[in-house]
Amino acid sequence: MNKAFKRFIISAAAAALTATASVTLNVFAAWKQIGMLGDLNHDGVVNVADAVLLTKHLLSDTPLNSDNGYNVKGKYIGIGENEASLAKKFLDTADIDQNGVVDIYDLVIMRQQIISGNFIPVREWFAESETTTAAAATSSGETTTTAAKFISPPVRDLYGSLPSQGDAKILVFYVDFPDCTYNYMPECDEIKKIAFGDENTKNSNYPFESMSAFYDRSSKGAMKLDGEVYRYTAKNNKSSYEGDVWHIDLVNEIIAEMDESVDFSKFDGNGDKIVDAILINVPEAAGGDNWWPAAGQFGGDSHNRADGMDIGHVIVGNAEIISATDYKGFNSTYLHEIGHCMGLPDYYLYGVDDFQGLHGAAGFELMDDANCDFGAASKLMLGWYTPEQVQIFGENDTSRTFKLNSSVSGNSNCVIIPRGKIDDNYNSEFFIIEFAELKGNNAALKDEWWRAVGEGVRIYHVSAEVTGDAFYNTFKYSSGNDDETDNNNGRRFIRLVGEGTDDSQNFYTGGIVDSSADGFKWYDDNGKMTIDPNISVNVEFTEGSGYSVAIKRK
């Protein structure tokens, strides 16, 4: 993403269960709408009757409370959460702007909703089971059913519109201009296969043979990406749409012109009445000054509706398909941008000459390099681990040993060392450890002869606190938040422990990691890494069983 552009935009198979079974039950997270904010009498609609109830409440004539039955609360339920944690996530139906107070502003919003027909759903997560048949049964003919429930994704509460679990839908428009066209023009069916086709490890573009296949591997089946492709030629020449980082005119034109032929409601995987994401690709010849790939919430009319749907994140870029056999750049570029649509920030830095966020041999990550898999911090935020795969060295632990599985395997896991008590939604400061291999979605790194690459245990330092309000939340220390990050010199959402100046120092294949390692310290009040965690991590490799980490508190 272009630096100036991205700062303005604010970019943002269940665990491959090994079994000789003939049937495997995969459990995915999905949304279910259970009501609407403002539906105070719970008749399924928000109308004048609800406005009357809220008005009486504000005038203290008939207060809303549990006694009169109007203040029944909606709830957001995260996969794997227990009943005790649900109590923290109750939301008052009358508190429409979700600021913790029911006041006149809620009544104003309610009236706007009634006039516009644009309501805010109350949703809950549920486990959606899908049964698949394995290729072979056991010799005894018995079948085994296993299930994996993924953790609730912390990005769920952020500004992203594309769900990281369950069905995720992308609407692709392959666009050219009267004065700027493609060198190679694939048919829509070909583009759809490139973007959403099946896994093919023999494809020369692997692991970027398709965006759907990449995400299926990375998420262990938790996310099912699909979409549709349409061709469109803009009404005006390219320059007519330039100078606006939001590309509002082009987006509005496409929605208006394509509304009759496109059912936008089909691109809402989580049922929240918002189009999950729209991808608009233009020719590479359009240039990078105005068309460098970027993603963000649609910057136009927030209530621009098509088929009753609001518009969520929009990706615009010029990463065209080169040929029928060369489209790695197209997929890898937009895989990164899709990360923003789910709520992840850029990991590289803005406004500096050395913009790489994660340096060294271990410094590869899709949100930094756009040419490899997500790392452990991203997968945690996206909810791509089951609860047992998130191993935590608790604040009362003195010594524990953890086994690490490969980051690209179906049973990948991680180890978290929190600063004190870990936040229920992982929105706090912690170290996270994984075993990274150059296989699967990292396979393309082997072809990068110009960079030092390797395998082993790597440790991220994460500060995942959230800032925002009821309508817009983002990671507080993400790139571009200069006041919070001290222009990248203070706290950052993510750093790599052991970067230093020696590329060999950020993979650990033996020995002890402690406060003597670059970056293995907590942040102080000034955002500097000066506080000794008084913890050591002994990285051990055992032939045939892989890596383990023995963590001790001093």
Protein backbone atom coordinates (compact mmCIF):
# COMPACT_ATOMS: atom_id res chain seq x y z
CA MET A 1 0.00 0.00 0.00
CA ASN A 2 1.24 3.50 -0.83
CA LYS A 3 2.33 5.16 2.44
CA ALA A 4 0.37 8.38 2.08
CA PHE A 5 -2.64 6.47 0.79
CA LYS A 6 -2.65 3.89 3.53
CA ARG A 7 -2.34 6.43 6.32
CA PHE A 8 -5.45 8.18 5.08
CA ILE A 9 -7.39 4.98 4.55
CA ILE A 10 -6.49 3.51 7.99
CA SER A 11 -5.72 0.07 6.65
CA ALA A 12 -6.84 -1.96 8.31
CA ALA A 13 -11.07 -27.69 8.24
CA ALA A 14 -11.20 -27.24 11.84
CA ALA A 15 -7.76 -28.12 13.11
CA ALA A 16 -6.52 -30.72 10.60
CA LEU A 17 -7.50 -33.47 12.93
CA THR A 18 -5.48 -36.55 12.21
CA ALA A 19 -7.67 -39.61 12.40
CA THR A 20 -8.25 -42.78 10.45
CA ALA A 21 -11.92 -41.95 10.60
CA SER A 22 -14.37 -41.91 7.77
CA VAL A 23 -16.32 -38.98 9.18
CA THR A 24 -14.99 -35.74 10.62
CA LEU A 25 -17.18 -33.05 12.12
CA ASN A 26 -15.81 -29.57 11.48
CA VAL A 27 -17.25 -26.77 13.59
CA PHE A 28 -17.08 -23.24 12.26
CA ALA A 29 -18.06 -19.95 13.87
CA ALA A 30 -20.95 -18.11 12.32
CA TRP A 31 -23.29 -15.23 13.10
CA LYS A 32 -26.94 -15.56 14.02
CA GLN A 33 -29.10 -12.47 14.31
CA ILE A 34 -31.18 -12.58 17.48
CA GLY A 35 -32.67 -9.10 17.42
CA MET A 36 -32.12 -5.42 16.65
CA LEU A 37 -30.87 -2.60 18.82
CA GLY A 38 -33.85 -0.40 19.57
CA ASP A 39 -36.47 -3.15 19.41
CA LEU A 40 -37.67 -2.45 22.94
CA ASN A 41 -40.93 -4.38 22.80
CA HIS A 42 -39.28 -7.31 21.03
CA ASP A 43 -41.78 -7.64 18.20
CA GLY A 44 -39.01 -8.05 15.62
CA VAL A 45 -39.12 -4.51 14.23
CA VAL A 46 -38.00 -1.02 15.28
CA ASN A 47 -40.87 1.41 14.80
CA VAL A 48 -42.87 4.22 16.39
CA ALA A 49 -43.98 1.96 19.24
CA ASP A 50 -40.35 1.57 20.33
CA ALA A 51 -39.77 5.33 20.01
CA VAL A 52 -42.73 5.92 22.34
CA LEU A 53 -41.30 3.50 24.92
CA LEU A 54 -37.89 5.16 24.79
CA THR A 55 -39.42 8.65 25.02
CA LYS A 56 -41.38 7.62 28.13
CA HIS A 57 -38.20 6.21 29.62
CA LEU A 58 -36.29 9.44 29.03
CA LEU A 59 -39.16 11.46 30.56
CA SER A 60 -39.09 9.06 33.54
CA ASP A 61 -42.75 8.23 32.98
CA THR A 62 -42.16 4.51 32.38
CA PRO A 63 -38.52 3.55 32.97
CA LEU A 64 -37.15 0.62 31.06
CA ASN A 65 -36.12 -2.16 33.42
CA SER A 66 -36.26 -5.88 33.89
CA ASP A 67 -39.60 -5.61 35.67
CA ASN A 68 -41.56 -4.35 32.68
CA GLY A 69 -39.74 -6.74 30.39
CA TYR A 70 -38.55 -4.18 27.88
CA ASN A 71 -34.86 -4.20 28.80
CA VAL A 72 -34.10 -7.73 27.67
CA LYS A 73 -30.49 -7.70 26.56
CA GLY A 74 -28.89 -8.97 23.41
CA LYS A 75 -25.59 -10.79 23.64
CA TYR A 76 -22.51 -11.45 21.56
CA ILE A 77 -21.32 -14.99 22.22
CA GLY A 78 -17.79 -16.02 21.30
CA ILE A 79 -17.01 -19.58 20.30
CA GLY A 80 -15.49 -21.43 23.24
CA GLU A 81 -16.61 -18.92 25.86
CA ASN A 82 -18.22 -20.07 29.09
CA GLU A 83 -21.33 -18.66 30.70
CA ALA A 84 -19.35 -16.57 33.20
CA SER A 85 -17.61 -14.60 30.48
CA LEU A 86 -20.86 -13.99 28.61
CA ALA A 87 -22.12 -11.71 31.37
CA LYS A 88 -19.40 -9.21 30.44
CA LYS A 89 -20.72 -8.93 26.88
CA PHE A 90 -24.39 -8.14 27.47
CA LEU A 91 -25.59 -5.12 25.53
CA ASP A 92 -28.65 -3.06 26.45
CA THR A 93 -31.11 -3.03 23.57
CA ALA A 94 -32.03 0.61 24.25
CA ASP A 95 -28.40 1.79 24.28
CA ILE A 96 -28.26 2.04 20.50
CA ASP A 97 -24.95 3.93 20.28
CA GLN A 98 -23.46 1.50 22.83
CA ASN A 99 -21.80 4.14 25.00
CA GLY A 100 -23.14 2.68 28.23
CA VAL A 101 -25.87 5.29 28.68
CA VAL A 102 -29.46 5.38 27.43
CA ASP A 103 -30.09 9.03 26.54
CA ILE A 104 -31.56 11.44 23.99
CA TYR A 105 -28.90 10.50 21.44
CA ASP A 106 -30.24 6.96 21.36
CA LEU A 107 -33.69 8.35 20.58
CA VAL A 108 -32.23 10.46 17.75
CA ILE A 109 -30.54 7.40 16.25
CA MET A 110 -33.71 5.37 16.64
CA ARG A 111 -35.73 7.96 14.73
CA GLN A 112 -33.11 8.00 11.98
CA GLN A 113 -33.33 4.20 11.82
CA ILE A 114 -37.10 4.26 11.51
CA ILE A 115 -36.92 6.80 8.67
CA SER A 116 -34.04 5.12 6.79
CA GLY A 117 -34.86 1.49 7.50
CA ASN A 118 -31.20 0.98 8.45
CA PHE A 119 -31.17 -1.01 11.68
CA ILE A 120 -28.33 -2.38 13.82
CA PRO A 121 -28.56 -6.14 14.37
CA VAL A 122 -27.89 -7.88 17.66
CA ARG A 123 -25.97 -11.02 16.85
CA GLU A 124 -24.53 -14.03 18.56
CA TRP A 125 -21.94 -16.54 17.52
CA PHE A 126 -22.87 -20.16 17.20
CA ALA A 127 -21.15 -23.37 16.15
CA GLU A 128 -22.17 -24.41 12.68
CA SER A 129 -21.40 -28.08 12.02
CA GLU A 130 -20.41 -29.43 8.67
CA THR A 131 -19.91 -33.14 8.12
CA THR A 132 -17.31 -34.29 5.60
CA THR A 133 -16.42 -37.79 4.54
CA ALA A 134 -12.79 -38.84 4.62
CA ALA A 135 -11.20 -40.81 1.80
CA ALA A 136 -10.68 -43.95 3.81
CA ALA A 137 -12.34 -45.70 6.72
CA THR A 138 -10.70 -47.64 9.48
CA SER A 139 -10.01 -51.28 8.88
CA SER A 140 -12.72 -52.13 11.39
CA GLY A 141 -15.24 -49.99 9.55
CA GLU A 142 -15.82 -47.80 12.62
CA THR A 143 -16.27 -44.07 12.30
CA THR A 144 -14.96 -41.41 14.62
CA THR A 145 -16.42 -37.96 15.06
CA THR A 146 -14.23 -35.13 16.32
CA ALA A 147 -14.95 -31.45 16.68
CA ALA A 148 -12.87 -28.31 17.14
CA LYS A 149 -14.27 -25.01 18.37
CA PHE A 150 -12.18 -22.00 17.55
CA ILE A 151 -11.61 -19.15 19.96
CA SER A 152 -13.66 -16.00 19.63
CA PRO A 153 -11.68 -13.69 17.31
CA PRO A 154 -10.57 -10.42 18.96
CA VAL A 155 -10.91 -8.65 15.59
CA ARG A 156 -14.64 -9.32 15.77
CA ASP A 157 -15.08 -6.14 17.82
CA LEU A 158 -12.93 -3.97 15.52
CA TYR A 159 -13.77 -2.01 12.41
CA GLY A 160 -13.41 -4.86 9.94
CA SER A 161 -16.46 -5.89 7.91
CA LEU A 162 -15.23 -9.26 6.56
CA PRO A 163 -15.71 -12.13 9.05
CA SER A 164 -12.59 -14.12 9.93
CA GLN A 165 -14.64 -17.19 10.83
CA GLY A 166 -17.41 -18.92 8.94
CA ASP A 167 -18.54 -17.73 5.51
CA ALA A 168 -16.79 -14.66 4.12
CA LYS A 169 -17.92 -13.15 0.82
CA ILE A 170 -16.05 -10.86 -1.57
CA LEU A 171 -17.53 -9.11 -4.57
CA VAL A 172 -14.83 -8.60 -7.23
CA PHE A 173 -15.10 -6.01 -10.01
CA TYR A 174 -12.39 -6.26 -12.68
CA VAL A 175 -12.47 -2.70 -13.98
CA ASP A 176 -10.81 -0.82 -16.84
CA PHE A 177 -11.20 2.67 -18.31
CA PRO A 178 -11.81 3.94 -21.84
CA ASP A 179 -8.21 5.22 -21.91
CA CYS A 180 -6.54 2.54 -19.75
CA THR A 181 -7.02 -1.18 -20.38
CA TYR A 182 -5.44 -4.50 -19.46
CA ASN A 183 -2.61 -6.19 -21.34
CA TYR A 184 -4.27 -9.51 -20.58
CA MET A 185 -8.02 -9.70 -20.15
CA PRO A 186 -9.23 -12.92 -18.51
CA GLU A 187 -12.87 -13.96 -18.55
CA CYS A 188 -14.84 -13.68 -15.33
CA ASP A 189 -14.88 -17.46 -14.85
CA GLU A 190 -11.08 -17.52 -15.07
CA ILE A 191 -10.74 -14.71 -12.52
CA LYS A 192 -13.15 -16.50 -10.22
CA LYS A 193 -11.08 -19.67 -10.38
CA ILE A 194 -7.90 -17.69 -9.71
CA ALA A 195 -9.43 -15.95 -6.70
CA PHE A 196 -11.71 -18.62 -5.25
CA GLY A 197 -10.58 -21.92 -6.79
CA ASP A 198 -9.71 -25.17 -5.05
CA GLU A 199 -6.38 -26.05 -3.50
CA ASN A 200 -3.73 -27.21 -5.97
CA THR A 201 -0.26 -27.75 -4.52
CA LYS A 202 1.09 -28.47 -8.04
CA ASN A 203 0.05 -25.06 -9.34
CA SER A 204 3.08 -22.91 -10.25
CA ASN A 205 1.58 -20.03 -8.22
CA TYR A 206 1.30 -22.13 -5.02
CA PRO A 207 0.74 -21.19 -2.21
CA PHE A 208 -1.09 -18.37 -3.97
CA GLU A 209 -2.99 -20.66 -6.35
CA SER A 210 -6.17 -19.09 -5.00
CA MET A 211 -7.11 -16.76 -2.16
CA SER A 212 -9.70 -19.23 -0.89
CA ALA A 213 -7.19 -22.09 -0.72
CA PHE A 214 -4.64 -19.89 1.06
CA TYR A 215 -7.15 -18.80 3.70
CA ASP A 216 -8.49 -22.32 4.17
CA ARG A 217 -4.98 -23.55 4.99
CA SER A 218 -4.07 -20.61 7.18
CA SER A 219 -7.31 -20.68 9.19
CA LYS A 220 -7.42 -24.49 9.45
CA GLY A 221 -10.84 -24.34 7.85
CA ALA A 222 -12.26 -21.75 10.24
CA MET A 223 -12.80 -19.28 7.39
CA LYS A 224 -14.52 -20.13 4.12
CA LEU A 225 -13.79 -17.42 1.56
CA ASP A 226 -15.89 -17.26 -1.59
CA GLY A 227 -17.12 -14.66 -4.02
CA GLU A 228 -18.17 -13.67 -7.50
CA VAL A 229 -16.48 -11.72 -10.30
CA TYR A 230 -17.90 -9.09 -12.66
CA ARG A 231 -16.37 -7.04 -15.47
CA TYR A 232 -16.96 -3.31 -15.68
CA THR A 233 -15.68 -0.48 -17.87
CA ALA A 234 -15.84 2.93 -16.22
CA LYS A 235 -17.85 5.68 -17.89
CA ASN A 236 -15.01 8.20 -17.82
CA ASN A 237 -11.27 8.23 -18.40
CA LYS A 238 -8.95 7.24 -15.58
CA SER A 239 -8.05 10.79 -14.53
CA SER A 240 -11.72 11.54 -13.73
CA TYR A 241 -11.51 9.25 -10.70
CA GLU A 242 -8.11 10.35 -9.38
CA GLY A 243 -7.26 12.68 -6.54
CA ASP A 244 -9.67 10.96 -4.15
CA VAL A 245 -8.08 8.30 -1.98
CA TRP A 246 -11.48 6.84 -1.23
CA HIS A 247 -12.40 6.45 -4.93
CA ILE A 248 -15.93 7.43 -3.95
CA ASP A 249 -17.05 8.39 -7.44
CA LEU A 250 -15.88 5.10 -8.95
CA VAL A 251 -17.37 2.98 -6.17
CA ASN A 252 -20.71 4.78 -6.31
CA GLU A 253 -20.79 4.48 -10.11
CA ILE A 254 -20.10 0.75 -10.05
CA ILE A 255 -22.74 0.09 -7.38
CA ALA A 256 -25.35 2.13 -9.24
CA GLU A 257 -24.61 0.67 -12.68
CA MET A 258 -24.30 -2.94 -11.51
CA ASP A 259 -27.20 -2.95 -9.04
CA GLU A 260 -29.62 -4.53 -11.48
CA SER A 261 -27.28 -7.40 -12.40
CA VAL A 262 -25.71 -7.99 -8.96
CA ASP A 263 -27.56 -9.17 -5.87
CA PHE A 264 -25.47 -7.49 -3.18
CA SER A 265 -27.29 -9.35 -0.42
CA LYS A 266 -25.48 -12.54 -1.45
CA PHE A 267 -22.19 -11.06 -0.26
CA ASP A 268 -23.02 -10.95 3.42
CA GLY A 269 -21.47 -14.04 4.96
CA ASN A 270 -22.25 -13.19 8.58
CA GLY A 271 -25.77 -11.84 8.11
CA ASP A 272 -25.13 -8.34 9.49
CA LYS A 273 -26.71 -6.54 6.51
CA ILE A 274 -23.29 -5.25 5.40
CA VAL A 275 -21.51 -6.35 2.22
CA ASP A 276 -18.47 -8.15 3.62
CA ALA A 277 -15.99 -6.63 1.16
CA ILE A 278 -15.74 -5.28 -2.37
CA LEU A 279 -12.55 -5.64 -4.40
CA ILE A 280 -12.06 -3.29 -7.35
CA ASN A 281 -9.06 -4.09 -9.53
CA VAL A 282 -7.83 -1.73 -12.24
CA PRO A 283 -5.03 -2.13 -14.81
CA GLU A 284 -1.44 -1.97 -13.59
CA ALA A 285 -0.94 0.80 -16.16
CA ALA A 286 -3.20 3.03 -14.04
CA GLY A 287 -0.11 3.68 -11.94
CA GLY A 288 0.70 3.57 -8.26
CA ASP A 289 0.21 7.22 -7.32
CA ASN A 290 -3.57 6.92 -7.26
CA TRP A 291 -4.20 3.20 -7.61
CA TRP A 292 -1.71 1.47 -5.34
CA PRO A 293 -3.58 -1.40 -3.59
CA ALA A 294 -5.25 -0.30 -0.37
CA ALA A 295 -8.23 -1.22 1.76
CA GLY A 296 -10.45 0.63 4.18
CA GLN A 297 -13.98 1.28 5.28
CA PHE A 298 -15.86 2.89 2.45
CA GLY A 299 -15.26 6.60 2.78
CA GLY A 300 -18.37 7.73 0.99
CA ASP A 301 -21.95 7.77 2.20
CA SER A 302 -21.94 5.33 5.11
CA HIS A 303 -25.56 4.58 4.33
CA ASN A 304 -25.04 3.91 0.65
CA ARG A 305 -27.24 0.86 0.26
CA ALA A 306 -27.57 -1.75 -2.43
CA ASP A 307 -30.28 -4.41 -2.16
CA GLY A 308 -30.83 -3.33 1.45
CA MET A 309 -27.13 -3.72 2.29
CA ASP A 310 -24.64 -1.21 3.68
CA ILE A 311 -21.19 -1.17 2.10
CA GLY A 312 -18.37 -2.52 4.23
CA HIS A 313 -14.67 -2.49 3.36
CA VAL A 314 -13.57 -1.65 -0.16
CA ILE A 315 -10.26 -2.69 -1.70
CA VAL A 316 -8.99 -0.76 -4.70
CA GLY A 317 -5.73 -1.61 -6.46
CA ASN A 318 -3.83 -2.21 -9.66
CA ALA A 319 -2.41 -5.70 -9.05
CA GLU A 320 -3.61 -7.18 -12.32
CA ILE A 321 -3.46 -10.81 -13.48
CA ILE A 322 -0.44 -11.10 -15.77
CA SER A 323 -1.47 -14.21 -17.68
CA ALA A 324 -3.40 -17.44 -17.36
CA THR A 325 -0.43 -18.96 -15.53
CA ASP A 326 1.00 -15.91 -13.75
CA TYR A 327 -1.20 -14.40 -11.06
CA LYS A 328 0.81 -14.83 -7.86
CA GLY A 329 1.10 -11.06 -7.39
CA PHE A 330 -2.63 -10.58 -7.81
CA ASN A 331 -3.53 -13.07 -5.10
CA SER A 332 -0.72 -12.30 -2.65
CA THR A 333 -1.43 -8.57 -2.83
CA TYR A 334 -5.12 -8.92 -2.13
CA LEU A 335 -4.63 -11.57 0.54
CA HIS A 336 -2.83 -8.82 2.48
CA GLU A 337 -5.61 -6.31 1.81
CA ILE A 338 -8.25 -8.83 2.89
CA GLY A 339 -6.42 -8.95 6.22
CA HIS A 340 -7.34 -5.28 6.63
CA CYS A 341 -10.95 -6.05 5.77
CA MET A 342 -11.01 -8.41 8.76
CA GLY A 343 -9.53 -5.76 11.09
CA LEU A 344 -5.76 -6.33 11.05
CA PRO A 345 -3.42 -3.33 10.68
CA ASP A 346 -0.29 -3.04 8.57
CA TYR A 347 2.77 -4.38 10.34
CA TYR A 348 5.18 -2.29 8.31
CA LEU A 349 5.79 1.33 9.23
CA TYR A 350 4.56 4.58 7.73
CA GLY A 351 6.51 7.72 6.91
CA VAL A 352 10.02 6.30 7.35
CA ASP A 353 12.72 5.19 4.92
CA ASP A 354 13.08 1.77 6.55
CA PHE A 355 9.41 0.85 6.47
CA GLN A 356 9.83 -2.87 7.18
CA GLY A 357 8.16 -3.63 10.47
CA LEU A 358 9.69 -7.05 11.15
CA HIS A 359 13.36 -7.40 10.25
CA GLY A 360 15.66 -10.35 9.84
CA ALA A 361 15.39 -13.97 8.83
CA ALA A 362 12.26 -14.48 10.95
CA GLY A 363 10.67 -11.21 9.90
CA PHE A 364 8.15 -12.53 7.40
CA GLU A 365 4.40 -12.01 7.88
CA LEU A 366 1.54 -11.46 5.44
CA MET A 367 0.64 -8.10 7.01
CA ASP A 368 4.25 -6.98 6.60
CA ASP A 369 5.59 -8.71 3.47
CA ALA A 370 2.43 -9.83 1.62
CA ASN A 371 4.26 -12.92 0.40
CA CYS A 372 3.82 -15.52 3.12
CA ASP A 373 1.49 -16.83 5.82
CA PHE A 374 0.08 -15.00 8.81
CA GLY A 375 2.10 -15.33 12.01
CA ALA A 376 0.89 -16.42 15.43
CA ALA A 377 -0.20 -12.94 16.54
CA SER A 378 -2.42 -12.51 13.48
CA LYS A 379 -3.93 -15.98 13.78
CA LEU A 380 -4.71 -15.32 17.42
CA MET A 381 -6.47 -12.06 16.56
CA LEU A 382 -8.40 -13.75 13.74
CA GLY A 383 -9.51 -16.64 15.94
CA TRP A 384 -7.70 -19.39 14.06
CA TYR A 385 -6.72 -21.43 17.10
CA THR A 386 -8.80 -23.73 19.23
CA PRO A 387 -8.67 -22.99 22.99
CA GLU A 388 -6.25 -25.84 23.66
CA GLN A 389 -3.91 -24.55 20.94
CA VAL A 390 -3.48 -21.26 22.81
CA GLN A 391 -1.09 -22.27 25.59
CA ILE A 392 -0.61 -19.66 28.30
CA PHE A 393 2.20 -19.27 30.83
CA GLY A 394 0.01 -17.85 33.59
CA GLU A 395 0.89 -15.13 36.05
CA ASN A 396 1.09 -17.71 38.85
CA ASP A 397 3.17 -20.21 36.90
CA THR A 398 6.80 -20.58 37.93
CA SER A 399 7.98 -23.20 35.44
CA ARG A 400 6.25 -24.95 32.53
CA THR A 401 7.22 -26.71 29.30
CA PHE A 402 5.16 -26.39 26.13
CA LYS A 403 5.26 -28.33 22.87
CA LEU A 404 5.18 -26.32 19.63
CA ASN A 405 3.68 -27.68 16.43
CA SER A 406 4.55 -26.27 13.02
CA SER A 407 2.84 -22.95 12.23
CA VAL A 408 1.69 -24.26 8.86
CA SER A 409 0.29 -27.57 10.10
CA GLY A 410 -3.34 -28.38 10.74
CA ASN A 411 -2.68 -28.49 14.49
CA SER A 412 -0.51 -25.38 14.74
CA ASN A 413 -0.37 -23.81 18.18
CA CYS A 414 1.31 -21.04 20.13
CA VAL A 415 2.50 -20.08 23.59
CA ILE A 416 1.58 -16.79 25.22
CA ILE A 417 3.53 -15.11 28.01
CA PRO A 418 1.23 -12.31 29.25
CA ARG A 419 2.24 -9.28 31.23
CA GLY A 420 0.30 -10.12 34.35
CA LYS A 421 -3.18 -11.44 33.69
CA ILE A 422 -4.06 -11.92 30.03
CA ASP A 423 -7.03 -9.90 28.84
CA ASP A 424 -10.10 -12.05 28.12
CA ASN A 425 -9.97 -10.88 24.50
CA TYR A 426 -6.15 -10.84 24.27
CA ASN A 427 -6.25 -7.03 24.04
CA SER A 428 -3.19 -6.51 26.21
CA GLU A 429 0.61 -6.79 26.17
CA PHE A 430 2.20 -10.23 25.78
CA PHE A 431 4.88 -12.30 24.08
CA ILE A 432 3.63 -14.97 21.68
CA ILE A 433 5.80 -17.85 20.49
CA GLU A 434 5.49 -20.13 17.46
CA PHE A 435 7.50 -22.62 15.39
CA ALA A 436 7.70 -21.30 11.82
CA GLU A 437 8.46 -23.53 8.84
CA LEU A 438 9.00 -22.74 5.16
CA LYS A 439 6.20 -25.02 4.03
CA GLY A 440 2.56 -24.56 3.08
CA ASN A 441 1.71 -20.87 2.91
CA ASN A 442 5.35 -20.00 3.61
CA ALA A 443 6.67 -22.08 0.71
CA ALA A 444 7.18 -19.07 -1.59
CA LEU A 445 9.84 -17.67 0.74
CA LYS A 446 12.29 -20.30 -0.50
CA ASP A 447 12.36 -18.52 -3.86
CA GLU A 448 13.42 -15.20 -2.34
CA TRP A 449 17.16 -15.56 -2.86
CA TRP A 450 17.78 -11.93 -1.86
CA ARG A 451 16.69 -12.33 1.74
CA ALA A 452 17.90 -14.43 4.63
CA VAL A 453 15.30 -17.04 5.44
CA GLY A 454 15.20 -19.90 7.86
CA GLU A 455 13.06 -21.92 10.21
CA GLY A 456 12.72 -22.26 13.94
CA VAL A 457 11.10 -20.67 16.96
CA ARG A 458 10.27 -16.98 16.80
CA ILE A 459 8.87 -14.68 19.46
CA TYR A 460 6.64 -11.66 18.86
CA HIS A 461 6.17 -8.82 21.31
CA VAL A 462 2.54 -7.71 20.98
CA SER A 463 0.67 -4.75 22.45
CA ALA A 464 -2.90 -5.36 21.28
CA GLU A 465 -4.84 -2.80 23.30
CA VAL A 466 -7.89 -1.35 21.51
CA THR A 467 -9.03 2.25 21.15
CA GLY A 468 -12.20 3.73 19.70
CA ASP A 469 -15.89 3.97 20.43
CA ALA A 470 -19.11 2.06 19.81
CA PHE A 471 -18.86 2.59 16.06
CA TYR A 472 -15.15 2.41 15.30
CA ASN A 473 -12.51 0.40 17.14
CA THR A 474 -8.94 -0.28 16.09
CA PHE A 475 -5.68 -1.42 17.64
CA LYS A 476 -4.28 1.48 19.66
CA TYR A 477 -0.64 0.98 18.70
CA SER A 478 -1.01 0.09 15.03
CA SER A 479 1.06 1.74 12.31
CA GLY A 480 0.02 5.30 11.57
CA ASN A 481 -1.18 6.07 15.11
CA ASP A 482 1.82 8.35 15.60
CA ASP A 483 0.66 9.95 18.85
CA GLU A 484 0.32 6.52 20.45
CA THR A 485 3.44 4.92 18.92
CA ASP A 486 5.68 7.99 19.26
CA ASN A 487 6.20 7.90 15.50
CA ASN A 488 7.12 4.18 15.63
CA ASN A 489 9.69 4.75 18.40
CA GLY A 490 7.46 3.70 21.28
CA ARG A 491 4.87 0.98 21.70
CA ARG A 492 3.87 -0.86 18.56
CA PHE A 493 1.19 -3.42 17.92
CA ILE A 494 3.85 -5.96 16.97
CA ARG A 495 7.62 -6.31 17.12
CA LEU A 496 9.91 -9.28 16.62
CA VAL A 497 12.10 -10.25 19.56
CA GLY A 498 15.78 -10.48 18.70
CA GLU A 499 15.83 -8.39 15.54
CA GLY A 500 19.00 -6.47 16.39
CA THR A 501 21.46 -6.29 13.53
CA ASP A 502 22.15 -10.00 13.04
CA ASP A 503 19.61 -11.88 10.92
CA SER A 504 20.41 -15.11 12.73
CA GLN A 505 19.28 -13.73 16.06
CA ASN A 506 15.53 -13.76 15.55
CA PHE A 507 15.15 -17.50 15.13
CA TYR A 508 15.82 -19.54 18.24
CA THR A 509 16.85 -23.14 17.74
CA GLY A 510 18.52 -23.70 21.08
CA GLY A 511 19.67 -21.86 24.18
CA ILE A 512 17.94 -19.37 26.42
CA VAL A 513 16.03 -16.21 25.61
CA ASP A 514 15.79 -13.64 28.41
CA SER A 515 16.04 -9.90 28.95
CA SER A 516 19.47 -9.87 27.32
CA ALA A 517 17.78 -10.56 23.97
CA ASP A 518 16.82 -7.50 21.95
CA GLY A 519 13.15 -6.69 22.57
CA PHE A 520 12.48 -9.22 25.33
CA LYS A 521 11.33 -6.57 27.79
CA TRP A 522 8.00 -4.99 28.69
CA TYR A 523 7.16 -1.41 27.75
CA ASP A 524 7.51 1.29 30.40
CA ASP A 525 5.20 4.30 30.81
CA ASN A 526 7.16 6.14 28.11
CA GLY A 527 6.69 3.35 25.59
CA LYS A 528 10.29 2.14 25.82
CA MET A 529 11.23 -1.51 26.33
CA THR A 530 13.05 -1.26 29.66
CA ILE A 531 11.19 -3.52 32.10
CA ASP A 532 12.73 -6.93 32.71
CA PRO A 533 10.00 -9.61 32.59
CA ASN A 534 12.15 -11.79 34.88
CA ILE A 535 11.37 -14.72 32.64
CA SER A 536 13.60 -17.04 30.63
CA VAL A 537 12.62 -19.19 27.66
CA ASN A 538 14.72 -22.26 26.95
CA VAL A 539 14.21 -23.37 23.34
CA GLU A 540 14.82 -27.06 22.84
CA PHE A 541 14.79 -29.17 19.69
CA THR A 542 14.29 -32.92 19.84
CA GLU A 543 14.81 -34.99 16.71
CA GLY A 544 11.57 -36.56 15.62
CA SER A 545 9.34 -34.49 17.91
CA GLY A 546 10.25 -30.92 17.04
CA TYR A 547 10.48 -27.91 19.32
CA SER A 548 9.48 -27.28 22.90
CA VAL A 549 9.96 -24.24 25.11
CA ALA A 550 10.68 -24.43 28.82
CA ILE A 551 9.61 -21.17 30.48
CA LYS A 552 10.76 -20.18 33.95
CA ARG A 553 10.01 -17.23 36.16
CA LYS A 554 13.09 -15.90 37.93
